[in-house]
Amino acid sequence: MENEDRNRRGRGRYEGDREMHKAVCSDCGAECEVPFEPTEGRPVYCRECFKKRRPPR
């Protein structure tokens, strides 16, 4: 049982069911879904715009 719990922790952040919330991208205006509840007054970006804004690694 303990090994099963340990194995689950190492999986990706987005595995399993996540509640998605509808939003409008603050950059391009496209409708999108995000894995968090958008907060009024804070920008939300679609996947493509988020990639453009993300600093290089």
N, C-alpha and C. Protein backbone atom coordinates (compact mmCIF):
# COMPACT_ATOMS: atom_id res chain seq x y z
N MET A 1 0.82 -1.20 0.00
CA MET A 1 0.00 0.00 0.00
C MET A 1 0.87 1.26 0.00
N GLU A 2 1.88 1.29 0.83
CA GLU A 2 2.75 2.46 0.89
C GLU A 2 3.44 2.71 -0.44
N ASN A 3 3.88 1.66 -1.13
CA ASN A 3 4.52 1.81 -2.44
C ASN A 3 3.56 2.41 -3.46
N GLU A 4 2.28 2.03 -3.40
CA GLU A 4 1.30 2.59 -4.33
C GLU A 4 1.17 4.09 -4.13
N ASP A 5 1.11 4.55 -2.89
CA ASP A 5 1.01 5.98 -2.61
C ASP A 5 2.25 6.71 -3.10
N ARG A 6 3.40 6.13 -2.89
CA ARG A 6 4.66 6.74 -3.31
C ARG A 6 4.69 6.87 -4.84
N ASN A 7 4.21 5.85 -5.55
CA ASN A 7 4.20 5.88 -7.01
C ASN A 7 3.24 6.93 -7.54
N ARG A 8 2.14 7.15 -6.89
CA ARG A 8 1.17 8.15 -7.35
C ARG A 8 1.73 9.55 -7.27
N ARG A 9 2.53 9.83 -6.25
CA ARG A 9 3.07 11.18 -6.07
C ARG A 9 4.00 11.60 -7.20
N GLY A 10 4.65 10.67 -7.85
CA GLY A 10 5.62 11.00 -8.88
C GLY A 10 5.02 11.28 -10.24
N ARG A 11 3.73 11.15 -10.39
CA ARG A 11 3.09 11.35 -11.69
C ARG A 11 2.94 12.83 -12.00
N GLY A 12 2.63 13.13 -13.26
CA GLY A 12 2.50 14.51 -13.71
C GLY A 12 1.40 15.28 -12.99
N ARG A 13 1.52 16.59 -13.01
CA ARG A 13 0.57 17.45 -12.31
C ARG A 13 -0.83 17.36 -12.89
N TYR A 14 -0.96 17.09 -14.18
CA TYR A 14 -2.25 17.17 -14.83
C TYR A 14 -2.90 15.82 -15.04
N GLU A 15 -2.40 14.79 -14.40
CA GLU A 15 -3.00 13.48 -14.56
C GLU A 15 -4.29 13.38 -13.75
N GLY A 16 -5.27 12.71 -14.31
CA GLY A 16 -6.53 12.54 -13.60
C GLY A 16 -7.53 13.62 -13.97
N ASP A 17 -8.68 13.56 -13.34
CA ASP A 17 -9.73 14.53 -13.62
C ASP A 17 -9.45 15.85 -12.93
N ARG A 18 -9.55 16.91 -13.71
CA ARG A 18 -9.39 18.26 -13.15
C ARG A 18 -10.60 19.06 -13.58
N GLU A 19 -11.09 19.87 -12.69
CA GLU A 19 -12.19 20.75 -13.04
C GLU A 19 -11.64 21.89 -13.88
N MET A 20 -12.19 22.06 -15.06
CA MET A 20 -11.75 23.12 -15.95
C MET A 20 -12.76 24.26 -15.91
N HIS A 21 -12.26 25.49 -16.06
CA HIS A 21 -13.10 26.68 -16.01
C HIS A 21 -12.96 27.46 -17.31
N LYS A 22 -14.08 27.93 -17.81
CA LYS A 22 -14.06 28.72 -19.04
C LYS A 22 -13.51 30.10 -18.75
N ALA A 23 -12.75 30.63 -19.71
CA ALA A 23 -12.16 31.95 -19.57
C ALA A 23 -11.97 32.55 -20.95
N VAL A 24 -11.65 33.83 -20.98
CA VAL A 24 -11.32 34.53 -22.23
C VAL A 24 -9.89 35.02 -22.08
N CYS A 25 -9.06 34.70 -23.06
CA CYS A 25 -7.65 35.08 -23.02
C CYS A 25 -7.52 36.60 -22.97
N SER A 26 -6.72 37.09 -22.05
CA SER A 26 -6.50 38.52 -21.89
C SER A 26 -5.68 39.11 -23.02
N ASP A 27 -4.98 38.27 -23.77
CA ASP A 27 -4.11 38.75 -24.84
C ASP A 27 -4.83 38.74 -26.19
N CYS A 28 -5.32 37.57 -26.62
CA CYS A 28 -5.90 37.45 -27.96
C CYS A 28 -7.43 37.44 -27.97
N GLY A 29 -8.07 37.29 -26.81
CA GLY A 29 -9.52 37.31 -26.73
C GLY A 29 -10.20 35.98 -27.03
N ALA A 30 -9.41 34.93 -27.24
CA ALA A 30 -9.98 33.61 -27.55
C ALA A 30 -10.60 32.99 -26.30
N GLU A 31 -11.68 32.24 -26.50
CA GLU A 31 -12.25 31.48 -25.39
C GLU A 31 -11.34 30.29 -25.12
N CYS A 32 -11.13 29.98 -23.85
CA CYS A 32 -10.26 28.87 -23.49
C CYS A 32 -10.75 28.27 -22.18
N GLU A 33 -10.13 27.18 -21.79
CA GLU A 33 -10.42 26.55 -20.50
C GLU A 33 -9.12 26.46 -19.72
N VAL A 34 -9.20 26.76 -18.43
CA VAL A 34 -8.02 26.73 -17.57
C VAL A 34 -8.30 25.85 -16.35
N PRO A 35 -7.25 25.25 -15.76
CA PRO A 35 -7.44 24.34 -14.63
C PRO A 35 -7.55 25.04 -13.28
N PHE A 36 -7.97 26.30 -13.28
CA PHE A 36 -8.15 27.05 -12.04
C PHE A 36 -9.30 28.02 -12.25
N GLU A 37 -9.88 28.50 -11.17
CA GLU A 37 -10.97 29.47 -11.29
C GLU A 37 -10.36 30.86 -11.46
N PRO A 38 -10.63 31.50 -12.61
CA PRO A 38 -10.05 32.83 -12.85
C PRO A 38 -10.50 33.83 -11.79
N THR A 39 -9.59 34.72 -11.42
CA THR A 39 -9.87 35.76 -10.44
C THR A 39 -10.10 37.07 -11.17
N GLU A 40 -11.18 37.75 -10.84
CA GLU A 40 -11.49 39.02 -11.48
C GLU A 40 -10.34 40.01 -11.27
N GLY A 41 -9.97 40.69 -12.34
CA GLY A 41 -8.89 41.66 -12.26
C GLY A 41 -7.50 41.10 -12.55
N ARG A 42 -7.40 39.78 -12.70
CA ARG A 42 -6.11 39.16 -13.01
C ARG A 42 -6.18 38.56 -14.41
N PRO A 43 -5.12 38.70 -15.21
CA PRO A 43 -5.16 38.19 -16.58
C PRO A 43 -5.13 36.67 -16.63
N VAL A 44 -5.78 36.14 -17.67
CA VAL A 44 -5.77 34.71 -17.97
C VAL A 44 -5.35 34.58 -19.42
N TYR A 45 -4.48 33.64 -19.72
CA TYR A 45 -3.98 33.47 -21.08
C TYR A 45 -4.29 32.08 -21.60
N CYS A 46 -4.62 31.99 -22.89
CA CYS A 46 -4.80 30.69 -23.54
C CYS A 46 -3.44 30.02 -23.62
N ARG A 47 -3.43 28.77 -24.02
CA ARG A 47 -2.19 28.00 -24.07
C ARG A 47 -1.14 28.68 -24.96
N GLU A 48 -1.55 29.13 -26.14
CA GLU A 48 -0.60 29.74 -27.08
C GLU A 48 -0.03 31.05 -26.55
N CYS A 49 -0.88 31.92 -26.01
CA CYS A 49 -0.40 33.20 -25.48
C CYS A 49 0.46 32.99 -24.24
N PHE A 50 0.11 32.00 -23.43
CA PHE A 50 0.91 31.70 -22.24
C PHE A 50 2.32 31.29 -22.66
N LYS A 51 2.42 30.46 -23.71
CA LYS A 51 3.74 30.04 -24.20
C LYS A 51 4.55 31.24 -24.67
N LYS A 52 3.91 32.19 -25.34
CA LYS A 52 4.61 33.38 -25.85
C LYS A 52 5.13 34.25 -24.70
N ARG A 53 4.38 34.32 -23.61
CA ARG A 53 4.73 35.21 -22.50
C ARG A 53 5.69 34.57 -21.51
N ARG A 54 5.78 33.26 -21.53
CA ARG A 54 6.62 32.53 -20.57
C ARG A 54 8.10 32.81 -20.83
N PRO A 55 8.85 33.14 -19.79
CA PRO A 55 10.29 33.38 -19.99
C PRO A 55 11.01 32.10 -20.41
N PRO A 56 12.03 32.22 -21.25
CA PRO A 56 12.77 31.03 -21.68
C PRO A 56 13.48 30.37 -20.50
N ARG A 57 13.62 29.06 -20.58
CA ARG A 57 14.30 28.31 -19.51
C ARG A 57 15.78 28.34 -19.70
